[in-house]
């Protein structure tokens, strides 16, 4: 069975982990699961990655806000 990676979810996961200080294995698993389950976080990653130069700072701010909310809910 061929599985494809969800690059937006994995990017969100990598960015979210940077917001945590020495997370436990359980916390990292929860963050992984939430990044893969939350379509709005994945969409925010996509919006940031494919935004224009002028819009990139605003898109990054929106993504960061979503990631902070995600991390706080773990």
Protein backbone atom coordinates (compact mmCIF):
# COMPACT_ATOMS: atom_id res chain seq x y z
CA UNK A 1 0.00 0.00 0.00
CA UNK A 2 1.39 3.35 -1.05
CA UNK A 3 0.96 6.17 1.44
CA UNK A 4 1.62 9.80 0.73
CA UNK A 5 3.07 12.27 3.15
CA UNK A 6 1.06 15.25 4.27
CA UNK A 7 3.78 17.86 3.87
CA UNK A 8 1.64 20.71 5.21
CA UNK A 9 0.86 18.75 8.38
CA UNK A 10 4.52 17.78 8.80
CA UNK A 11 5.61 21.39 8.32
CA UNK A 12 3.08 22.51 10.93
CA UNK A 13 4.35 19.80 13.28
CA UNK A 14 7.97 20.92 12.89
CA UNK A 15 7.03 24.55 13.48
CA UNK A 16 4.80 23.70 16.45
CA UNK A 17 7.54 21.72 18.18
CA UNK A 18 9.73 24.83 18.11
CA UNK A 19 7.14 26.49 20.34
CA UNK A 20 7.59 23.83 23.02
CA UNK A 21 10.42 23.52 25.50
CA UNK A 22 11.54 19.92 25.83
CA UNK A 23 8.18 18.25 25.05
CA UNK A 24 7.46 14.74 26.26
CA UNK A 25 6.91 11.88 23.84
CA UNK A 26 3.19 11.99 24.62
CA UNK A 27 3.03 15.72 23.86
CA UNK A 28 4.86 15.33 20.57
CA UNK A 29 2.43 12.56 19.58
CA UNK A 30 -0.53 14.80 20.43
CA UNK A 31 0.93 17.65 18.39
CA UNK A 32 1.54 15.26 15.47
CA UNK A 33 -2.05 14.02 15.61
CA UNK A 34 -3.51 17.52 15.85
CA UNK A 35 -1.39 18.82 12.94
CA UNK A 36 -2.63 15.93 10.80
CA UNK A 37 -6.25 16.30 11.90
CA UNK A 38 -6.66 20.08 11.70
CA UNK A 39 -7.28 21.10 8.10
CA UNK A 40 -7.24 24.80 9.02
CA UNK A 41 -3.65 24.50 10.26
CA UNK A 42 -2.65 22.68 7.07
CA UNK A 43 -4.37 25.36 4.99
CA UNK A 44 -2.51 28.07 6.91
CA UNK A 45 0.81 26.35 6.10
CA UNK A 46 -0.12 26.19 2.44
CA UNK A 47 -1.21 29.82 2.42
CA UNK A 48 2.11 30.87 3.92
CA UNK A 49 4.25 28.72 1.65
CA UNK A 50 2.53 29.91 -1.51
CA UNK A 51 1.85 33.52 -0.54
CA UNK A 52 3.25 36.51 -2.37
CA UNK A 53 6.22 38.36 -0.96
CA UNK A 54 3.98 41.17 0.29
CA UNK A 55 1.49 38.84 1.96
CA UNK A 56 4.02 36.42 3.50
CA UNK A 57 4.42 38.27 6.85
CA UNK A 58 0.66 38.34 7.39
CA UNK A 59 0.33 34.67 6.39
CA UNK A 60 3.14 33.73 8.76
CA UNK A 61 1.46 35.63 11.59
CA UNK A 62 -1.82 33.78 10.94
CA UNK A 63 0.00 30.44 10.85
CA UNK A 64 1.91 31.20 14.03
CA UNK A 65 -1.33 32.16 15.80
CA UNK A 66 -2.93 28.86 14.80
CA UNK A 67 0.11 26.91 15.96
CA UNK A 68 0.16 28.67 19.33
CA UNK A 69 -3.52 27.78 19.80
CA UNK A 70 -2.79 24.19 18.81
CA UNK A 71 0.14 23.88 21.23
CA UNK A 72 -1.84 25.46 24.07
CA UNK A 73 -4.61 22.90 23.59
CA UNK A 74 -2.23 19.97 24.15
